[in-house]
Amino acid sequence: MAAKWRELADKLAEEIRSGKYEPGRQLPHIRELVEKGAGSKSTVHAAYKALEAEGLVTSSRGHGTVVREQAPLKRLGIARYDKAKWRDGDEVAFIADRVASGRAYRRNEQTQTVSLVEAPALVAAAYGLPEGAEVYARARLVKEGEQPTHTLTSYYLPEHVEGTRLVDPTPGPAGRGGGFRVLYDAGYEIDHMKEQLFARVPTADEVKQLQLPPGEPVVELHRTAYTAEDLVVEFAIGVHAASRFAWEYDFKVPDSAADPKG
């Protein structure tokens, strides 16, 4: 038989999912549930802590325990990179996600710092660089309103981006079409990409920077962008609050048997 706090947590979770408690609504104060016979103060407290760990509620001094927003952003896996968006228009990747999700955005919801750094091991491996080689790191923090959604740090070879808008730390994307348009104008057109995803526990700094509730994991993205000649022109590492995105991939299924190479 489950512990009483677990039974209460499951009951409240079901009420949240059924819509009895809508996003933004405050759950009853602990003493209210105690007075209604839901259990002791420690039982209700343990149930609320379990709901918080499961990402269903947030708890803060002065605001009580509030049901979390459960409508994540669509994070387009492939369509966000459509050349018509950034080469011919001005819909950079994070804006493409907002448009697909029917959500408002402001360009200054992306801020960044730019610095010349010694290439981390992952970056050096992606570019085939020797130990100690320098690269530009363009680190962005992206928010939806006041809430951070993810960080993304792109690494570039100096010879590809020196003197371009990609080394300008002004808030917002790097001009019309963003970074991919800058590379395109410099003669480095993105042709294909590789993305790798990893779910993990966040670091203490990530919890603070992304304003993560207890128990929230992150999804780490590694993105490598290539030209048609297989030249790497961007390697990026993103850290996404797991509950704030729904990853979506829509692609043609390969059939290598029908289209053999060589």
Protein backbone atom coordinates (compact mmCIF):
# COMPACT_ATOMS: atom_id res chain seq x y z
CA MET A 1 0.00 0.00 0.00
CA ALA A 2 1.35 3.43 -0.98
CA ALA A 3 2.27 5.93 1.70
CA LYS A 4 -0.46 8.47 2.50
CA TRP A 5 1.56 11.39 1.06
CA ARG A 6 1.96 9.44 -2.20
CA GLU A 7 -1.77 8.75 -2.43
CA LEU A 8 -2.49 12.45 -1.86
CA ALA A 9 0.12 13.51 -4.43
CA ASP A 10 -1.40 11.13 -7.02
CA LYS A 11 -4.91 12.45 -6.29
CA LEU A 12 -3.81 16.07 -6.68
CA ALA A 13 -1.82 15.25 -9.83
CA GLU A 14 -4.93 13.74 -11.39
CA GLU A 15 -6.96 16.83 -10.46
CA ILE A 16 -4.31 19.03 -12.10
CA ARG A 17 -4.29 16.95 -15.28
CA SER A 18 -8.10 16.88 -15.44
CA GLY A 19 -8.25 20.67 -15.28
CA LYS A 20 -9.71 21.07 -11.81
CA TYR A 21 -6.64 23.13 -10.97
CA GLU A 22 -5.70 25.17 -14.04
CA PRO A 23 -2.22 26.58 -14.83
CA GLY A 24 -1.52 29.60 -12.65
CA ARG A 25 -4.02 28.58 -9.98
CA GLN A 26 -2.85 28.22 -6.42
CA LEU A 27 -3.40 24.90 -4.65
CA PRO A 28 -5.07 25.03 -1.24
CA HIS A 29 -2.88 26.04 1.68
CA ILE A 30 -1.49 23.10 3.61
CA ARG A 31 -3.60 23.87 6.68
CA GLU A 32 -6.79 23.84 4.54
CA LEU A 33 -6.12 20.25 3.43
CA VAL A 34 -5.18 19.27 6.98
CA GLU A 35 -8.48 20.69 8.25
CA LYS A 36 -10.35 18.76 5.51
CA GLY A 37 -8.78 15.51 6.68
CA ALA A 38 -6.35 15.00 3.80
CA GLY A 39 -3.61 14.12 6.27
CA SER A 40 -1.16 15.64 8.69
CA LYS A 41 0.85 18.75 7.94
CA SER A 42 3.90 16.61 7.12
CA THR A 43 1.82 14.39 4.81
CA VAL A 44 0.46 17.33 2.79
CA HIS A 45 3.88 18.99 2.71
CA ALA A 46 5.46 15.78 1.37
CA ALA A 47 2.72 15.49 -1.29
CA TYR A 48 3.33 19.08 -2.42
CA LYS A 49 7.09 18.50 -2.58
CA ALA A 50 6.46 15.41 -4.75
CA LEU A 51 4.28 17.45 -7.15
CA GLU A 52 7.03 20.06 -7.35
CA ALA A 53 9.68 17.43 -8.08
CA GLU A 54 7.44 16.02 -10.84
CA GLY A 55 7.21 19.46 -12.47
CA LEU A 56 3.49 19.95 -11.94
CA VAL A 57 3.69 22.88 -9.52
CA THR A 58 6.06 25.57 -8.33
CA SER A 59 6.36 26.71 -4.77
CA SER A 60 7.63 30.06 -3.51
CA ARG A 61 7.35 32.21 -0.42
CA GLY A 62 4.50 34.65 -0.78
CA HIS A 63 2.88 32.85 -3.72
CA GLY A 64 2.22 29.41 -2.24
CA THR A 65 2.04 26.33 -4.45
CA VAL A 66 0.95 27.18 -7.99
CA VAL A 67 0.14 24.90 -10.95
CA ARG A 68 2.75 25.23 -13.68
CA GLU A 69 2.04 26.17 -17.28
CA GLN A 70 2.03 22.87 -19.22
CA ALA A 71 1.98 24.21 -22.80
CA PRO A 72 5.58 23.89 -24.02
CA LEU A 73 7.01 25.67 -27.03
CA LYS A 74 7.29 23.66 -30.22
CA ARG A 75 10.97 23.26 -30.87
CA LEU A 76 11.06 22.51 -34.61
CA GLY A 77 13.79 20.01 -35.34
CA ILE A 78 14.14 20.54 -39.08
CA ALA A 79 11.69 23.16 -40.37
CA ARG A 80 13.27 25.81 -38.12
CA TYR A 81 16.33 25.73 -40.42
CA ASP A 82 14.42 26.20 -43.70
CA LYS A 83 16.56 28.53 -45.83
CA ALA A 84 13.48 30.49 -46.83
CA LYS A 85 13.21 31.58 -43.20
CA TRP A 86 16.72 33.02 -42.70
CA ARG A 87 18.24 33.41 -46.18
CA ASP A 88 15.22 35.00 -47.85
CA GLY A 89 13.43 36.32 -44.74
CA ASP A 90 14.15 37.25 -41.15
CA GLU A 91 12.78 34.28 -39.19
CA VAL A 92 15.79 33.08 -37.23
CA ALA A 93 15.52 29.69 -35.51
CA PHE A 94 14.19 30.73 -32.09
CA ILE A 95 11.64 33.02 -33.76
CA ALA A 96 10.56 30.16 -36.08
CA ASP A 97 9.77 28.13 -32.95
CA ARG A 98 7.65 30.96 -31.53
CA VAL A 99 5.75 31.43 -34.80
CA ALA A 100 5.03 27.67 -35.03
CA SER A 101 3.79 27.73 -31.43
CA GLY A 102 1.54 30.74 -31.97
CA ARG A 103 3.47 32.64 -29.31
CA ALA A 104 4.57 36.27 -29.24
CA TYR A 105 8.25 37.21 -29.31
CA ARG A 106 10.61 40.15 -29.16
CA ARG A 107 14.00 40.05 -30.84
CA ASN A 108 15.69 41.30 -27.67
CA GLU A 109 14.52 38.17 -25.84
CA GLN A 110 17.85 36.81 -27.08
CA THR A 111 20.94 38.31 -25.45
CA GLN A 112 24.52 37.26 -25.90
CA THR A 113 28.15 37.66 -25.02
CA VAL A 114 30.93 37.13 -27.55
CA SER A 115 34.49 36.22 -26.64
CA LEU A 116 37.63 34.66 -28.09
CA VAL A 117 38.29 31.51 -26.05
CA GLU A 118 40.41 28.38 -26.05
CA ALA A 119 38.33 25.72 -27.78
CA PRO A 120 36.71 23.27 -25.31
CA ALA A 121 37.44 19.61 -26.08
CA LEU A 122 34.06 19.02 -27.81
CA VAL A 123 34.54 22.06 -30.03
CA ALA A 124 38.13 21.19 -30.89
CA ALA A 125 37.04 17.68 -31.88
CA ALA A 126 34.20 18.99 -34.08
CA TYR A 127 36.54 21.30 -35.97
CA GLY A 128 39.59 19.02 -35.90
CA LEU A 129 41.58 21.70 -34.06
CA PRO A 130 44.79 21.23 -32.07
CA GLU A 131 44.73 21.67 -28.31
CA GLY A 132 44.79 25.33 -27.30
CA ALA A 133 43.40 26.70 -30.58
CA GLU A 134 41.21 29.79 -30.25
CA VAL A 135 37.59 30.07 -31.41
CA TYR A 136 34.86 32.64 -31.05
CA ALA A 137 32.14 31.69 -28.55
CA ARG A 138 28.79 33.42 -29.04
CA ALA A 139 26.78 32.58 -25.92
CA ARG A 140 23.05 33.36 -25.95
CA LEU A 141 20.40 33.30 -23.26
CA VAL A 142 16.90 33.11 -24.76
CA LYS A 143 13.76 34.02 -22.81
CA GLU A 144 10.03 33.92 -23.37
CA GLY A 145 8.94 37.09 -21.65
CA GLU A 146 10.78 37.02 -18.35
CA GLN A 147 11.24 33.23 -18.25
CA PRO A 148 14.47 31.77 -19.66
CA THR A 149 13.88 28.86 -22.05
CA HIS A 150 17.40 27.85 -23.05
CA THR A 151 21.00 28.81 -23.61
CA LEU A 152 22.87 28.30 -26.88
CA THR A 153 26.59 28.84 -27.40
CA SER A 154 27.85 28.76 -30.99
CA TYR A 155 31.56 28.32 -31.68
CA TYR A 156 33.15 29.66 -34.87
CA LEU A 157 36.60 29.68 -36.43
CA PRO A 158 38.01 33.24 -36.38
CA GLU A 159 38.79 33.16 -40.10
CA HIS A 160 35.09 32.51 -40.85
CA VAL A 161 33.56 35.29 -38.75
CA GLU A 162 36.20 37.95 -37.99
CA GLY A 163 34.75 41.37 -38.79
CA THR A 164 31.16 40.10 -39.17
CA ARG A 165 28.06 40.70 -37.06
CA LEU A 166 28.62 37.32 -35.37
CA VAL A 167 31.29 38.91 -33.18
CA ASP A 168 28.99 41.82 -32.25
CA PRO A 169 27.45 41.32 -28.75
CA THR A 170 24.45 43.63 -29.41
CA PRO A 171 21.27 41.99 -27.96
CA GLY A 172 19.11 40.09 -30.45
CA PRO A 173 19.97 37.98 -33.51
CA ALA A 174 22.98 38.99 -35.65
CA GLY A 175 21.00 41.18 -38.02
CA ARG A 176 18.48 40.14 -40.65
CA GLY A 177 18.38 36.34 -40.96
CA GLY A 178 20.66 35.80 -37.98
CA GLY A 179 23.91 33.87 -37.84
CA PHE A 180 23.24 31.54 -40.76
CA ARG A 181 22.62 34.56 -43.01
CA VAL A 182 25.92 36.08 -41.86
CA LEU A 183 27.75 32.87 -42.78
CA TYR A 184 25.87 32.72 -46.11
CA ASP A 185 26.92 36.30 -46.96
CA ALA A 186 30.51 35.40 -46.06
CA GLY A 187 30.45 32.52 -48.56
CA TYR A 188 29.66 29.68 -46.16
CA GLU A 189 26.17 28.41 -47.03
CA ILE A 190 24.72 25.86 -44.61
CA ASP A 191 23.96 22.66 -46.54
CA HIS A 192 23.40 19.98 -43.90
CA MET A 193 23.44 19.60 -40.14
CA LYS A 194 23.82 17.01 -37.41
CA GLU A 195 22.03 17.28 -34.07
CA GLN A 196 22.58 15.14 -30.97
CA LEU A 197 20.36 15.30 -27.88
CA PHE A 198 21.17 14.30 -24.30
CA ALA A 199 18.92 14.46 -21.24
CA ARG A 200 20.72 15.09 -17.95
CA VAL A 201 20.58 16.66 -14.51
CA PRO A 202 21.37 20.41 -14.62
CA THR A 203 24.34 22.00 -12.91
CA ALA A 204 23.80 24.48 -10.07
CA ASP A 205 24.64 27.36 -12.43
CA GLU A 206 22.10 26.10 -14.99
CA VAL A 207 19.39 25.84 -12.33
CA LYS A 208 20.00 29.49 -11.48
CA GLN A 209 20.37 30.77 -15.05
CA LEU A 210 17.31 28.95 -16.41
CA GLN A 211 15.29 29.43 -13.21
CA LEU A 212 14.56 25.70 -13.01
CA PRO A 213 12.21 24.24 -10.39
CA PRO A 214 13.47 21.33 -8.24
CA GLY A 215 13.68 18.08 -10.19
CA GLU A 216 13.61 19.69 -13.66
CA PRO A 217 16.06 18.01 -16.07
CA VAL A 218 17.65 19.70 -19.08
CA VAL A 219 18.07 18.59 -22.67
CA GLU A 220 21.53 19.30 -24.05
CA LEU A 221 21.82 19.82 -27.80
CA HIS A 222 24.97 19.47 -29.89
CA ARG A 223 24.55 20.99 -33.37
CA THR A 224 27.11 20.80 -36.18
CA ALA A 225 26.51 22.83 -39.34
CA TYR A 226 28.29 21.96 -42.59
CA THR A 227 28.68 23.43 -46.06
CA ALA A 228 28.09 21.22 -49.13
CA GLU A 229 31.83 20.47 -49.03
CA ASP A 230 31.51 19.10 -45.46
CA LEU A 231 33.30 22.11 -44.00
CA VAL A 232 32.19 22.71 -40.39
CA VAL A 233 31.17 26.36 -40.01
CA GLU A 234 29.34 26.23 -36.66
CA PHE A 235 29.36 23.93 -33.65
CA ALA A 236 26.76 24.82 -31.02
CA ILE A 237 25.87 23.55 -27.56
CA GLY A 238 22.39 24.30 -26.24
CA VAL A 239 20.91 23.64 -22.80
CA HIS A 240 17.10 23.56 -22.74
CA ALA A 241 14.69 23.42 -19.80
CA ALA A 242 13.06 20.06 -20.55
CA SER A 243 9.46 20.97 -19.74
CA ARG A 244 9.51 24.20 -21.77
CA PHE A 245 9.88 22.51 -25.17
CA ALA A 246 8.17 19.83 -27.25
CA TRP A 247 10.67 18.64 -29.85
CA GLU A 248 9.17 18.06 -33.29
CA TYR A 249 10.79 16.37 -36.29
CA ASP A 250 9.14 16.08 -39.70
CA PHE A 251 11.31 14.55 -42.42
CA LYS A 252 11.34 12.31 -45.44
CA VAL A 253 12.19 8.69 -44.61
CA PRO A 254 15.45 7.70 -46.35
CA ASP A 255 15.49 4.72 -48.68
CA SER A 256 19.17 4.06 -49.40
CA ALA A 257 18.34 0.80 -51.20
CA ALA A 258 16.34 2.74 -53.78
CA ASP A 259 19.04 5.38 -54.18
CA PRO A 260 22.40 3.58 -53.85
CA LYS A 261 25.61 5.61 -53.85
CA GLY A 262 28.84 4.81 -55.61
